[in-house]
PDB file of N, CA and C in Angstrom:
ATOM      1  N   MET A   1     -67.888 -29.510-161.299  1.00  0.00           N
ATOM      2  CA  MET A   1     -66.474 -29.793-161.460  1.00  0.00           C
ATOM      3  C   MET A   1     -65.728 -29.394-160.176  1.00  0.00           C
ATOM      4  N   ILE A   2     -64.862 -30.259-159.730  1.00  0.00           N
ATOM      5  CA  ILE A   2     -64.094 -29.990-158.514  1.00  0.00           C
ATOM      6  C   ILE A   2     -62.883 -29.129-158.866  1.00  0.00           C
ATOM      7  N   THR A   3     -62.725 -28.047-158.118  1.00  0.00           N
ATOM      8  CA  THR A   3     -61.576 -27.162-158.282  1.00  0.00           C
ATOM      9  C   THR A   3     -60.930 -26.967-156.914  1.00  0.00           C
ATOM     10  N   PRO A   4     -59.708 -26.438-156.868  1.00  0.00           N
ATOM     11  CA  PRO A   4     -59.091 -26.172-155.567  1.00  0.00           C
ATOM     12  C   PRO A   4     -59.932 -25.251-154.683  1.00  0.00           C
ATOM     13  N   LYS A   5     -60.684 -24.348-155.276  1.00  0.00           N
ATOM     14  CA  LYS A   5     -61.487 -23.400-154.502  1.00  0.00           C
ATOM     15  C   LYS A   5     -62.723 -24.038-153.884  1.00  0.00           C
ATOM     16  N   ASN A   6     -63.329 -25.034-154.560  1.00  0.00           N
ATOM     17  CA  ASN A   6     -64.568 -25.617-154.031  1.00  0.00           C
ATOM     18  C   ASN A   6     -64.376 -27.019-153.450  1.00  0.00           C
ATOM     19  N   LEU A   7     -63.157 -27.494-153.380  1.00  0.00           N
ATOM     20  CA  LEU A   7     -62.862 -28.853-152.926  1.00  0.00           C
ATOM     21  C   LEU A   7     -63.476 -29.182-151.573  1.00  0.00           C
ATOM     22  N   ILE A   8     -63.361 -28.288-150.598  1.00  0.00           N
ATOM     23  CA  ILE A   8     -63.826 -28.612-149.242  1.00  0.00           C
ATOM     24  C   ILE A   8     -65.348 -28.695-149.149  1.00  0.00           C
ATOM     25  N   ARG A   9     -66.062 -28.189-150.132  1.00  0.00           N
ATOM     26  CA  ARG A   9     -67.524 -28.271-150.137  1.00  0.00           C
ATOM     27  C   ARG A   9     -68.032 -29.374-151.063  1.00  0.00           C
ATOM     28  N   HIS A  10     -67.142 -30.096-151.681  1.00  0.00           N
ATOM     29  CA  HIS A  10     -67.507 -31.092-152.689  1.00  0.00           C
ATOM     30  C   HIS A  10     -67.484 -32.509-152.108  1.00  0.00           C
ATOM     31  N   GLU A  11     -68.089 -33.429-152.804  1.00  0.00           N
ATOM     32  CA  GLU A  11     -68.048 -34.853-152.442  1.00  0.00           C
ATOM     33  C   GLU A  11     -66.600 -35.340-152.528  1.00  0.00           C
ATOM     34  N   LEU A  12     -66.103 -35.947-151.458  1.00  0.00           N
ATOM     35  CA  LEU A  12     -64.716 -36.407-151.423  1.00  0.00           C
ATOM     36  C   LEU A  12     -64.568 -37.878-151.787  1.00  0.00           C
ATOM     37  N   ILE A  13     -65.624 -38.652-151.653  1.00  0.00           N
ATOM     38  CA  ILE A  13     -65.548 -40.079-151.958  1.00  0.00           C
ATOM     39  C   ILE A  13     -65.166 -40.254-153.421  1.00  0.00           C
ATOM     40  N   GLY A  14     -64.153 -41.094-153.627  1.00  0.00           N
ATOM     41  CA  GLY A  14     -63.661 -41.357-154.972  1.00  0.00           C
ATOM     42  C   GLY A  14     -62.412 -40.577-155.328  1.00  0.00           C
ATOM     43  N   LEU A  15     -62.059 -39.584-154.513  1.00  0.00           N
ATOM     44  CA  LEU A  15     -60.862 -38.790-154.793  1.00  0.00           C
ATOM     45  C   LEU A  15     -59.603 -39.489-154.279  1.00  0.00           C
ATOM     46  N   GLU A  16     -58.495 -39.229-154.963  1.00  0.00           N
ATOM     47  CA  GLU A  16     -57.192 -39.711-154.514  1.00  0.00           C
ATOM     48  C   GLU A  16     -56.664 -38.751-153.459  1.00  0.00           C
ATOM     49  N   VAL A  17     -56.120 -39.308-152.378  1.00  0.00           N
ATOM     50  CA  VAL A  17     -55.645 -38.482-151.272  1.00  0.00           C
ATOM     51  C   VAL A  17     -54.387 -39.098-150.665  1.00  0.00           C
ATOM     52  N   GLU A  18     -53.588 -38.235-150.047  1.00  0.00           N
ATOM     53  CA  GLU A  18     -52.407 -38.680-149.302  1.00  0.00           C
ATOM     54  C   GLU A  18     -52.300 -37.836-148.040  1.00  0.00           C
ATOM     55  N   VAL A  19     -51.939 -38.459-146.940  1.00  0.00           N
ATOM     56  CA  VAL A  19     -51.683 -37.731-145.695  1.00  0.00           C
ATOM     57  C   VAL A  19     -50.232 -37.260-145.752  1.00  0.00           C
ATOM     58  N   VAL A  20     -50.038 -35.926-145.798  1.00  0.00           N
ATOM     59  CA  VAL A  20     -48.686 -35.386-145.929  1.00  0.00           C
ATOM     60  C   VAL A  20     -48.133 -34.840-144.621  1.00  0.00           C
ATOM     61  N   ASN A  21     -49.012 -34.617-143.642  1.00  0.00           N
ATOM     62  CA  ASN A  21     -48.566 -34.157-142.328  1.00  0.00           C
ATOM     63  C   ASN A  21     -49.622 -34.594-141.320  1.00  0.00           C
ATOM     64  N   ALA A  22     -49.179 -35.067-140.164  1.00  0.00           N
ATOM     65  CA  ALA A  22     -50.131 -35.524-139.153  1.00  0.00           C
ATOM     66  C   ALA A  22     -49.488 -35.463-137.777  1.00  0.00           C
ATOM     67  N   LYS A  23     -50.333 -35.284-136.781  1.00  0.00           N
ATOM     68  CA  LYS A  23     -49.852 -35.305-135.406  1.00  0.00           C
ATOM     69  C   LYS A  23     -49.248 -36.675-135.094  1.00  0.00           C
ATOM     70  N   SER A  24     -49.875 -37.723-135.604  1.00  0.00           N
ATOM     71  CA  SER A  24     -49.366 -39.080-135.446  1.00  0.00           C
ATOM     72  C   SER A  24     -48.533 -39.441-136.679  1.00  0.00           C
ATOM     73  N   VAL A  25     -47.235 -39.623-136.491  1.00  0.00           N
ATOM     74  CA  VAL A  25     -46.353 -39.905-137.624  1.00  0.00           C
ATOM     75  C   VAL A  25     -46.714 -41.205-138.337  1.00  0.00           C
ATOM     76  N   ASN A  26     -47.450 -42.095-137.660  1.00  0.00           N
ATOM     77  CA  ASN A  26     -47.874 -43.350-138.288  1.00  0.00           C
ATOM     78  C   ASN A  26     -48.861 -43.124-139.424  1.00  0.00           C
ATOM     79  N   GLN A  27     -49.530 -41.976-139.432  1.00  0.00           N
ATOM     80  CA  GLN A  27     -50.508 -41.690-140.478  1.00  0.00           C
ATOM     81  C   GLN A  27     -49.899 -41.027-141.706  1.00  0.00           C
ATOM     82  N   VAL A  28     -48.738 -40.411-141.543  1.00  0.00           N
ATOM     83  CA  VAL A  28     -48.090 -39.760-142.679  1.00  0.00           C
ATOM     84  C   VAL A  28     -47.751 -40.813-143.735  1.00  0.00           C
ATOM     85  N   GLY A  29     -48.138 -40.533-144.962  1.00  0.00           N
ATOM     86  CA  GLY A  29     -47.854 -41.451-146.065  1.00  0.00           C
ATOM     87  C   GLY A  29     -49.026 -42.332-146.453  1.00  0.00           C
ATOM     88  N   ILE A  30     -50.101 -42.331-145.661  1.00  0.00           N
ATOM     89  CA  ILE A  30     -51.290 -43.090-146.057  1.00  0.00           C
ATOM     90  C   ILE A  30     -51.785 -42.485-147.360  1.00  0.00           C
ATOM     91  N   LYS A  31     -51.962 -43.335-148.361  1.00  0.00           N
ATOM     92  CA  LYS A  31     -52.293 -42.839-149.697  1.00  0.00           C
ATOM     93  C   LYS A  31     -53.238 -43.805-150.383  1.00  0.00           C
ATOM     94  N   GLY A  32     -54.269 -43.272-151.023  1.00  0.00           N
ATOM     95  CA  GLY A  32     -55.205 -44.114-151.747  1.00  0.00           C
ATOM     96  C   GLY A  32     -56.454 -43.357-152.126  1.00  0.00           C
ATOM     97  N   THR A  33     -57.544 -44.091-152.274  1.00  0.00           N
ATOM     98  CA  THR A  33     -58.826 -43.529-152.697  1.00  0.00           C
ATOM     99  C   THR A  33     -59.773 -43.450-151.510  1.00  0.00           C
ATOM    100  N   ILE A  34     -60.438 -42.315-151.358  1.00  0.00           N
ATOM    101  CA  ILE A  34     -61.407 -42.160-150.276  1.00  0.00           C
ATOM    102  C   ILE A  34     -62.634 -43.002-150.602  1.00  0.00           C
ATOM    103  N   VAL A  35     -63.011 -43.876-149.655  1.00  0.00           N
ATOM    104  CA  VAL A  35     -64.167 -44.753-149.868  1.00  0.00           C
ATOM    105  C   VAL A  35     -65.318 -44.451-148.917  1.00  0.00           C
ATOM    106  N   GLU A  36     -65.049 -43.667-147.865  1.00  0.00           N
ATOM    107  CA  GLU A  36     -66.108 -43.321-146.910  1.00  0.00           C
ATOM    108  C   GLU A  36     -65.701 -42.053-146.175  1.00  0.00           C
ATOM    109  N   GLU A  37     -66.720 -41.275-145.785  1.00  0.00           N
ATOM    110  CA  GLU A  37     -66.469 -40.058-145.019  1.00  0.00           C
ATOM    111  C   GLU A  37     -67.517 -39.930-143.921  1.00  0.00           C
ATOM    112  N   THR A  38     -67.055 -39.562-142.727  1.00  0.00           N
ATOM    113  CA  THR A  38     -67.963 -39.222-141.635  1.00  0.00           C
ATOM    114  C   THR A  38     -67.644 -37.789-141.229  1.00  0.00           C
ATOM    115  N   ASN A  39     -68.303 -37.302-140.199  1.00  0.00           N
ATOM    116  CA  ASN A  39     -68.032 -35.938-139.734  1.00  0.00           C
ATOM    117  C   ASN A  39     -66.577 -35.747-139.308  1.00  0.00           C
ATOM    118  N   ASN A  40     -65.959 -36.800-138.759  1.00  0.00           N
ATOM    119  CA  ASN A  40     -64.613 -36.661-138.196  1.00  0.00           C
ATOM    120  C   ASN A  40     -63.536 -37.505-138.855  1.00  0.00           C
ATOM    121  N   THR A  41     -63.905 -38.366-139.808  1.00  0.00           N
ATOM    122  CA  THR A  41     -62.908 -39.258-140.404  1.00  0.00           C
ATOM    123  C   THR A  41     -63.062 -39.384-141.915  1.00  0.00           C
ATOM    124  N   LEU A  42     -61.976 -39.824-142.534  1.00  0.00           N
ATOM    125  CA  LEU A  42     -61.987 -40.281-143.917  1.00  0.00           C
ATOM    126  C   LEU A  42     -61.484 -41.720-143.898  1.00  0.00           C
ATOM    127  N   VAL A  43     -62.108 -42.589-144.676  1.00  0.00           N
ATOM    128  CA  VAL A  43     -61.631 -43.956-144.825  1.00  0.00           C
ATOM    129  C   VAL A  43     -60.979 -44.031-146.199  1.00  0.00           C
ATOM    130  N   VAL A  44     -59.705 -44.433-146.207  1.00  0.00           N
ATOM    131  CA  VAL A  44     -58.908 -44.456-147.428  1.00  0.00           C
ATOM    132  C   VAL A  44     -58.579 -45.901-147.778  1.00  0.00           C
ATOM    133  N   ASP A  45     -58.872 -46.280-149.019  1.00  0.00           N
ATOM    134  CA  ASP A  45     -58.537 -47.616-149.514  1.00  0.00           C
ATOM    135  C   ASP A  45     -57.107 -47.576-150.034  1.00  0.00           C
ATOM    136  N   THR A  46     -56.209 -48.270-149.351  1.00  0.00           N
ATOM    137  CA  THR A  46     -54.791 -48.303-149.705  1.00  0.00           C
ATOM    138  C   THR A  46     -54.437 -49.705-150.203  1.00  0.00           C
ATOM    139  N   PRO A  47     -53.256 -49.872-150.768  1.00  0.00           N
ATOM    140  CA  PRO A  47     -52.837 -51.215-151.175  1.00  0.00           C
ATOM    141  C   PRO A  47     -52.775 -52.208-150.004  1.00  0.00           C
ATOM    142  N   LYS A  48     -52.651 -51.702-148.783  1.00  0.00           N
ATOM    143  CA  LYS A  48     -52.595 -52.569-147.599  1.00  0.00           C
ATOM    144  C   LYS A  48     -53.937 -52.673-146.888  1.00  0.00           C
ATOM    145  N   GLY A  49     -55.023 -52.231-147.529  1.00  0.00           N
ATOM    146  CA  GLY A  49     -56.350 -52.285-146.926  1.00  0.00           C
ATOM    147  C   GLY A  49     -56.859 -50.907-146.564  1.00  0.00           C
ATOM    148  N   GLU A  50     -58.044 -50.868-145.996  1.00  0.00           N
ATOM    149  CA  GLU A  50     -58.663 -49.604-145.631  1.00  0.00           C
ATOM    150  C   GLU A  50     -58.066 -49.039-144.347  1.00  0.00           C
ATOM    151  N   LYS A  51     -57.801 -47.743-144.365  1.00  0.00           N
ATOM    152  CA  LYS A  51     -57.253 -47.032-143.207  1.00  0.00           C
ATOM    153  C   LYS A  51     -58.187 -45.887-142.859  1.00  0.00           C
ATOM    154  N   THR A  52     -58.515 -45.741-141.582  1.00  0.00           N
ATOM    155  CA  THR A  52     -59.348 -44.646-141.119  1.00  0.00           C
ATOM    156  C   THR A  52     -58.446 -43.551-140.571  1.00  0.00           C
ATOM    157  N   VAL A  53     -58.652 -42.331-141.073  1.00  0.00           N
ATOM    158  CA  VAL A  53     -57.820 -41.192-140.683  1.00  0.00           C
ATOM    159  C   VAL A  53     -58.717 -40.115-140.076  1.00  0.00           C
ATOM    160  N   LEU A  54     -58.384 -39.687-138.871  1.00  0.00           N
ATOM    161  CA  LEU A  54     -59.094 -38.566-138.253  1.00  0.00           C
ATOM    162  C   LEU A  54     -58.769 -37.296-139.029  1.00  0.00           C
ATOM    163  N   LYS A  55     -59.778 -36.458-139.233  1.00  0.00           N
ATOM    164  CA  LYS A  55     -59.571 -35.226-139.993  1.00  0.00           C
ATOM    165  C   LYS A  55     -58.775 -34.196-139.191  1.00  0.00           C
ATOM    166  N   ASN A  56     -58.947 -34.180-137.860  1.00  0.00           N
ATOM    167  CA  ASN A  56     -58.209 -33.233-137.011  1.00  0.00           C
ATOM    168  C   ASN A  56     -56.723 -33.511-137.062  1.00  0.00           C
ATOM    169  N   ASN A  57     -55.930 -32.471-137.004  1.00  0.00           N
ATOM    170  CA  ASN A  57     -54.467 -32.581-136.889  1.00  0.00           C
ATOM    171  C   ASN A  57     -53.808 -33.294-138.055  1.00  0.00           C
ATOM    172  N   VAL A  58     -54.416 -33.217-139.248  1.00  0.00           N
ATOM    173  CA  VAL A  58     -53.866 -33.869-140.439  1.00  0.00           C
ATOM    174  C   VAL A  58     -53.923 -32.893-141.605  1.00  0.00           C
ATOM    175  N   THR A  59     -52.903 -32.943-142.462  1.00  0.00           N
ATOM    176  CA  THR A  59     -52.947 -32.226-143.727  1.00  0.00           C
ATOM    177  C   THR A  59     -53.069 -33.260-144.832  1.00  0.00           C
ATOM    178  N   PHE A  60     -54.116 -33.103-145.650  1.00  0.00           N
ATOM    179  CA  PHE A  60     -54.368 -34.014-146.763  1.00  0.00           C
ATOM    180  C   PHE A  60     -53.900 -33.379-148.064  1.00  0.00           C
ATOM    181  N   ARG A  61     -53.364 -34.186-148.969  1.00  0.00           N
ATOM    182  CA  ARG A  61     -53.034 -33.732-150.317  1.00  0.00           C
ATOM    183  C   ARG A  61     -53.949 -34.476-151.286  1.00  0.00           C
ATOM    184  N   PHE A  62     -54.837 -33.723-151.913  1.00  0.00           N
ATOM    185  CA  PHE A  62     -55.767 -34.276-152.891  1.00  0.00           C
ATOM    186  C   PHE A  62     -55.192 -34.112-154.283  1.00  0.00           C
ATOM    187  N   THR A  63     -55.422 -35.102-155.148  1.00  0.00           N
ATOM    188  CA  THR A  63     -55.008 -35.021-156.532  1.00  0.00           C
ATOM    189  C   THR A  63     -56.240 -34.742-157.377  1.00  0.00           C
ATOM    190  N   LEU A  64     -56.250 -33.578-158.037  1.00  0.00           N
ATOM    191  CA  LEU A  64     -57.337 -33.173-158.925  1.00  0.00           C
ATOM    192  C   LEU A  64     -56.760 -33.023-160.325  1.00  0.00           C
ATOM    193  N   GLU A  65     -57.117 -33.936-161.212  1.00  0.00           N
ATOM    194  CA  GLU A  65     -56.559 -33.959-162.561  1.00  0.00           C
ATOM    195  C   GLU A  65     -55.043 -33.828-162.473  1.00  0.00           C
ATOM    196  N   ASN A  66     -54.466 -32.709-162.896  1.00  0.00           N
ATOM    197  CA  ASN A  66     -53.009 -32.555-162.856  1.00  0.00           C
ATOM    198  C   ASN A  66     -52.549 -31.642-161.733  1.00  0.00           C
ATOM    199  N   GLN A  67     -53.440 -31.355-160.772  1.00  0.00           N
ATOM    200  CA  GLN A  67     -53.104 -30.471-159.661  1.00  0.00           C
ATOM    201  C   GLN A  67     -53.094 -31.237-158.352  1.00  0.00           C
ATOM    202  N   MET A  68     -52.227 -30.807-157.455  1.00  0.00           N
ATOM    203  CA  MET A  68     -52.234 -31.322-156.096  1.00  0.00           C
ATOM    204  C   MET A  68     -52.628 -30.178-155.179  1.00  0.00           C
ATOM    205  N   VAL A  69     -53.597 -30.454-154.291  1.00  0.00           N
ATOM    206  CA  VAL A  69     -54.132 -29.422-153.409  1.00  0.00           C
ATOM    207  C   VAL A  69     -54.010 -29.906-151.970  1.00  0.00           C
ATOM    208  N   ASP A  70     -53.311 -29.133-151.138  1.00  0.00           N
ATOM    209  CA  ASP A  70     -53.184 -29.453-149.724  1.00  0.00           C
ATOM    210  C   ASP A  70     -54.317 -28.782-148.953  1.00  0.00           C
ATOM    211  N   VAL A  71     -54.952 -29.559-148.049  1.00  0.00           N
ATOM    212  CA  VAL A  71     -56.068 -29.050-147.257  1.00  0.00           C
ATOM    213  C   VAL A  71     -55.851 -29.440-145.801  1.00  0.00           C
ATOM    214  N   ASP A  72     -55.967 -28.471-144.914  1.00  0.00           N
ATOM    215  CA  ASP A  72     -55.919 -28.733-143.481  1.00  0.00           C
ATOM    216  C   ASP A  72     -57.191 -29.499-143.114  1.00  0.00           C
ATOM    217  N   GLY A  73     -57.040 -30.667-142.526  1.00  0.00           N
ATOM    218  CA  GLY A  73     -58.172 -31.508-142.183  1.00  0.00           C
ATOM    219  C   GLY A  73     -59.190 -30.832-141.287  1.00  0.00           C
ATOM    220  N   GLU A  74     -58.757 -29.854-140.494  1.00  0.00           N
ATOM    221  CA  GLU A  74     -59.677 -29.109-139.628  1.00  0.00           C
ATOM    222  C   GLU A  74     -60.791 -28.463-140.456  1.00  0.00           C
ATOM    223  N   ARG A  75     -60.490 -28.089-141.695  1.00  0.00           N
ATOM    224  CA  ARG A  75     -61.485 -27.450-142.562  1.00  0.00           C
ATOM    225  C   ARG A  75     -62.542 -28.438-143.040  1.00  0.00           C
ATOM    226  N   LEU A  76     -62.279 -29.745-142.892  1.00  0.00           N
ATOM    227  CA  LEU A  76     -63.208 -30.767-143.336  1.00  0.00           C
ATOM    228  C   LEU A  76     -64.069 -31.306-142.202  1.00  0.00           C
ATOM    229  N   VAL A  77     -63.699 -31.038-140.948  1.00  0.00           N
ATOM    230  CA  VAL A  77     -64.435 -31.555-139.798  1.00  0.00           C
ATOM    231  C   VAL A  77     -65.852 -30.985-139.803  1.00  0.00           C
ATOM    232  N   GLY A  78     -66.811 -31.874-139.583  1.00  0.00           N
ATOM    233  CA  GLY A  78     -68.198 -31.469-139.528  1.00  0.00           C
ATOM    234  C   GLY A  78     -68.848 -31.309-140.873  1.00  0.00           C
ATOM    235  N   LYS A  79     -68.070 -31.505-141.933  1.00  0.00           N
ATOM    236  CA  LYS A  79     -68.618 -31.422-143.288  1.00  0.00           C
ATOM    237  C   LYS A  79     -69.695 -32.497-143.419  1.00  0.00           C
ATOM    238  N   PRO A  80     -70.823 -32.154-144.021  1.00  0.00           N
ATOM    239  CA  PRO A  80     -71.879 -33.170-144.167  1.00  0.00           C
ATOM    240  C   PRO A  80     -71.366 -34.399-144.888  1.00  0.00           C
ATOM    241  N   GLU A  81     -71.823 -35.553-144.441  1.00  0.00           N
ATOM    242  CA  GLU A  81     -71.389 -36.816-145.026  1.00  0.00           C
ATOM    243  C   GLU A  81     -71.931 -36.937-146.431  1.00  0.00           C
TER     244      GLU A  81
END
């Protein structure tokens, strides 16, 4: 079961996510379902198509059941695919 404490070590594909802060303001507001993950990126399926977001310099907001959890993308870099 995914919890706020184990989120960064868990499989992210299939989770709902939103970019709430980013070095590039064009990435703020990207919201959808994670469909792919690499060491340095997340691919998010949005209503406007798939968007690739670098994990560095981004804060992600994950939706877990009725909780929202903010995670600094730096903590996800290098995470096994």
